[in-house]
Amino acid sequence: MMTTISWGGISIMDRLTVWEKVFAEFDGRPISGSFAVEQGMVKVTTLKGQRATQVGVFNTTWLARYLLRELAAEGKA
């Protein structure tokens, strides 16, 4: 049995953001970060930076890898 806690009409589960690891390659080296999908946005974070974009029609994992490579190009991954 699962208990849902509600506050102001919004359940705690509605506010939970699940972060997943994402891996890619940039200039021949492995890079990694974390990503989450929240309110129609894909958000990627590394120890040195973060980037986000709207989901649109693309696969969220593909978008996360793309954003991770952009961060790497800026020296932030």
Foldseek 3Di string as FASTA:
>chain_A
DDDWDDDPNDTPVNVDWDKDKAWDDEPRHIDIWIWTADPQKIKTDDPQDIDIDGPPPDDNNVVNRVVRRVCVVVVRD
